[in-house]
Amino acid sequence: MEPPDQVADASRRTYLAGERTYLAWWRSGLTALALGVGAGRIGPDLTKGSGWELQVLGVGYALLGMAVIGYGLRRQRALNDALARGRYAPLSTRGATALAVGALVLGAATIAVIFQTS
């Protein structure tokens, strides 16, 4: 039996790692979408008052989830293109910063809504 080609084996592992990372982008996006449904649709039914604050939060989380999934797809394509050329595609500072700022704003808004409805 012939030993496996080290380069081909490393390439397979690298592509598979990229696929696992892409699935992690999906999991994160779907989690944010679920938060959007919970906050925007279920939350107002469980609280007293109009619940518009929770609906706004729900929309925000849903938009964040969509952005995460979309950015994950863009990242996966860039990574596959780079790997095909034997290169590396670094994570975009602009994209990562935009997602982080969005998550931080939603986190702060969530804290504000929690204290407002308590």
C-alpha atoms as a PDB file:
ATOM      1  CA  MET A   1       0.000   0.000   0.000  1.00  0.00           C
ATOM      2  CA  GLU A   2       1.312   3.415  -1.001  1.00  0.00           C
ATOM      3  CA  PRO A   3       1.570   6.114   1.717  1.00  0.00           C
ATOM      4  CA  PRO A   4      -0.813   9.065   1.307  1.00  0.00           C
ATOM      5  CA  ASP A   5       0.473  12.145  -0.429  1.00  0.00           C
ATOM      6  CA  GLN A   6       1.298  14.622   2.362  1.00  0.00           C
ATOM      7  CA  VAL A   7       0.394  17.695   0.300  1.00  0.00           C
ATOM      8  CA  ALA A   8      -2.941  16.294  -0.891  1.00  0.00           C
ATOM      9  CA  ASP A   9      -3.790  15.194   2.657  1.00  0.00           C
ATOM     10  CA  ALA A  10      -2.971  18.662   4.027  1.00  0.00           C
ATOM     11  CA  SER A  11      -5.127  20.262   1.335  1.00  0.00           C
ATOM     12  CA  ARG A  12      -8.063  18.020   2.196  1.00  0.00           C
ATOM     13  CA  ARG A  13      -7.746  18.887   5.876  1.00  0.00           C
ATOM     14  CA  THR A  14      -7.571  22.584   5.053  1.00  0.00           C
ATOM     15  CA  TYR A  15     -10.678  22.468   2.844  1.00  0.00           C
ATOM     16  CA  LEU A  16     -12.557  20.470   5.484  1.00  0.00           C
ATOM     17  CA  ALA A  17     -11.567  22.983   8.163  1.00  0.00           C
ATOM     18  CA  GLY A  18     -12.954  25.711   5.910  1.00  0.00           C
ATOM     19  CA  GLU A  19     -16.217  23.805   5.571  1.00  0.00           C
ATOM     20  CA  ARG A  20     -16.493  23.431   9.344  1.00  0.00           C
ATOM     21  CA  THR A  21     -15.904  27.150   9.728  1.00  0.00           C
ATOM     22  CA  TYR A  22     -18.593  27.892   7.143  1.00  0.00           C
ATOM     23  CA  LEU A  23     -21.020  25.738   9.115  1.00  0.00           C
ATOM     24  CA  ALA A  24     -20.093  27.714  12.241  1.00  0.00           C
ATOM     25  CA  TRP A  25     -21.044  30.930  10.410  1.00  0.00           C
ATOM     26  CA  TRP A  26     -24.400  29.289   9.632  1.00  0.00           C
ATOM     27  CA  ARG A  27     -24.924  28.197  13.247  1.00  0.00           C
ATOM     28  CA  SER A  28     -24.179  31.694  14.492  1.00  0.00           C
ATOM     29  CA  GLY A  29     -26.516  33.249  11.929  1.00  0.00           C
ATOM     30  CA  LEU A  30     -29.330  30.829  12.698  1.00  0.00           C
ATOM     31  CA  THR A  31     -28.892  31.503  16.419  1.00  0.00           C
ATOM     32  CA  ALA A  32     -29.280  35.234  15.803  1.00  0.00           C
ATOM     33  CA  LEU A  33     -32.367  34.561  13.671  1.00  0.00           C
ATOM     34  CA  ALA A  34     -33.835  32.450  16.484  1.00  0.00           C
ATOM     35  CA  LEU A  35     -33.140  35.297  18.914  1.00  0.00           C
ATOM     36  CA  GLY A  36     -34.962  37.574  16.522  1.00  0.00           C
ATOM     37  CA  VAL A  37     -38.044  35.359  16.567  1.00  0.00           C
ATOM     38  CA  GLY A  38     -37.859  34.995  20.340  1.00  0.00           C
ATOM     39  CA  ALA A  39     -37.432  38.669  21.051  1.00  0.00           C
ATOM     40  CA  GLY A  40     -39.652  40.066  18.313  1.00  0.00           C
ATOM     41  CA  ARG A  41     -42.522  37.614  18.228  1.00  0.00           C
ATOM     42  CA  ILE A  42     -42.610  35.656  21.483  1.00  0.00           C
ATOM     43  CA  GLY A  43     -41.254  38.321  23.840  1.00  0.00           C
ATOM     44  CA  PRO A  44     -44.057  40.879  23.336  1.00  0.00           C
ATOM     45  CA  ASP A  45     -46.661  38.217  24.103  1.00  0.00           C
ATOM     46  CA  LEU A  46     -44.938  37.473  27.416  1.00  0.00           C
ATOM     47  CA  THR A  47     -44.545  41.067  28.593  1.00  0.00           C
ATOM     48  CA  LYS A  48     -46.944  43.780  29.637  1.00  0.00           C
ATOM     49  CA  GLY A  49     -47.333  46.719  27.291  1.00  0.00           C
ATOM     50  CA  SER A  50     -46.952  47.089  23.563  1.00  0.00           C
ATOM     51  CA  GLY A  51     -43.638  45.275  23.245  1.00  0.00           C
ATOM     52  CA  TRP A  52     -42.449  47.456  20.351  1.00  0.00           C
ATOM     53  CA  GLU A  53     -38.976  47.577  21.913  1.00  0.00           C
ATOM     54  CA  LEU A  54     -38.729  43.803  21.713  1.00  0.00           C
ATOM     55  CA  GLN A  55     -39.985  43.821  18.146  1.00  0.00           C
ATOM     56  CA  VAL A  56     -37.254  46.295  17.191  1.00  0.00           C
ATOM     57  CA  LEU A  57     -34.686  44.075  18.921  1.00  0.00           C
ATOM     58  CA  GLY A  58     -36.085  41.062  17.097  1.00  0.00           C
ATOM     59  CA  VAL A  59     -35.662  42.765  13.747  1.00  0.00           C
ATOM     60  CA  GLY A  60     -32.123  43.751  14.726  1.00  0.00           C
ATOM     61  CA  TYR A  61     -31.181  40.188  15.639  1.00  0.00           C
ATOM     62  CA  ALA A  62     -32.760  38.872  12.444  1.00  0.00           C
ATOM     63  CA  LEU A  63     -30.761  41.383  10.376  1.00  0.00           C
ATOM     64  CA  LEU A  64     -27.593  40.399  12.244  1.00  0.00           C
ATOM     65  CA  GLY A  65     -28.305  36.716  11.544  1.00  0.00           C
ATOM     66  CA  MET A  66     -28.766  37.402   7.853  1.00  0.00           C
ATOM     67  CA  ALA A  67     -25.559  39.446   7.776  1.00  0.00           C
ATOM     68  CA  VAL A  68     -23.593  36.681   9.505  1.00  0.00           C
ATOM     69  CA  ILE A  69     -24.819  34.030   7.056  1.00  0.00           C
ATOM     70  CA  GLY A  70     -24.137  36.303   4.082  1.00  0.00           C
ATOM     71  CA  TYR A  71     -20.669  37.213   5.331  1.00  0.00           C
ATOM     72  CA  GLY A  72     -19.936  33.545   6.016  1.00  0.00           C
ATOM     73  CA  LEU A  73     -20.750  32.724   2.390  1.00  0.00           C
ATOM     74  CA  ARG A  74     -18.527  35.533   1.152  1.00  0.00           C
ATOM     75  CA  ARG A  75     -15.735  34.352   3.452  1.00  0.00           C
ATOM     76  CA  GLN A  76     -16.101  30.735   2.282  1.00  0.00           C
ATOM     77  CA  ARG A  77     -15.848  31.743  -1.362  1.00  0.00           C
ATOM     78  CA  ALA A  78     -12.770  33.886  -0.714  1.00  0.00           C
ATOM     79  CA  LEU A  79     -11.149  31.068   1.238  1.00  0.00           C
ATOM     80  CA  ASN A  80     -11.838  28.470  -1.467  1.00  0.00           C
ATOM     81  CA  ASP A  81     -10.487  30.788  -4.175  1.00  0.00           C
ATOM     82  CA  ALA A  82      -7.344  31.452  -2.156  1.00  0.00           C
ATOM     83  CA  LEU A  83      -6.788  27.765  -1.371  1.00  0.00           C
ATOM     84  CA  ALA A  84      -7.147  26.876  -5.047  1.00  0.00           C
ATOM     85  CA  ARG A  85      -4.291  29.288  -5.770  1.00  0.00           C
ATOM     86  CA  GLY A  86      -2.212  28.034  -2.829  1.00  0.00           C
ATOM     87  CA  ARG A  87      -2.727  31.219  -0.851  1.00  0.00           C
ATOM     88  CA  TYR A  88      -4.471  32.360   2.309  1.00  0.00           C
ATOM     89  CA  ALA A  89      -7.444  34.730   2.560  1.00  0.00           C
ATOM     90  CA  PRO A  90      -7.281  36.733   5.790  1.00  0.00           C
ATOM     91  CA  LEU A  91     -10.468  37.706   7.562  1.00  0.00           C
ATOM     92  CA  SER A  92     -11.611  41.154   6.470  1.00  0.00           C
ATOM     93  CA  THR A  93     -11.107  43.633   9.270  1.00  0.00           C
ATOM     94  CA  ARG A  94     -13.961  45.750   7.919  1.00  0.00           C
ATOM     95  CA  GLY A  95     -16.436  42.852   7.814  1.00  0.00           C
ATOM     96  CA  ALA A  96     -15.455  41.504  11.214  1.00  0.00           C
ATOM     97  CA  THR A  97     -15.660  44.986  12.727  1.00  0.00           C
ATOM     98  CA  ALA A  98     -19.096  45.617  11.207  1.00  0.00           C
ATOM     99  CA  LEU A  99     -20.464  42.362  12.607  1.00  0.00           C
ATOM    100  CA  ALA A 100     -18.892  43.025  16.016  1.00  0.00           C
ATOM    101  CA  VAL A 101     -20.283  46.562  16.176  1.00  0.00           C
ATOM    102  CA  GLY A 102     -23.726  45.280  15.205  1.00  0.00           C
ATOM    103  CA  ALA A 103     -23.607  42.626  17.912  1.00  0.00           C
ATOM    104  CA  LEU A 104     -22.361  45.108  20.523  1.00  0.00           C
ATOM    105  CA  VAL A 105     -25.110  47.607  19.677  1.00  0.00           C
ATOM    106  CA  LEU A 106     -27.742  44.873  19.901  1.00  0.00           C
ATOM    107  CA  GLY A 107     -26.255  43.693  23.207  1.00  0.00           C
ATOM    108  CA  ALA A 108     -26.421  47.202  24.661  1.00  0.00           C
ATOM    109  CA  ALA A 109     -29.979  47.633  23.360  1.00  0.00           C
ATOM    110  CA  THR A 110     -30.938  44.311  24.921  1.00  0.00           C
ATOM    111  CA  ILE A 111     -29.593  45.434  28.293  1.00  0.00           C
ATOM    112  CA  ALA A 112     -31.504  48.707  27.988  1.00  0.00           C
ATOM    113  CA  VAL A 113     -34.750  46.900  27.161  1.00  0.00           C
ATOM    114  CA  ILE A 114     -34.263  44.481  30.065  1.00  0.00           C
ATOM    115  CA  PHE A 115     -33.885  47.338  32.538  1.00  0.00           C
ATOM    116  CA  GLN A 116     -36.731  49.283  30.949  1.00  0.00           C
ATOM    117  CA  THR A 117     -39.217  46.414  31.203  1.00  0.00           C
ATOM    118  CA  SER A 118     -38.172  45.305  34.709  1.00  0.00           C
END
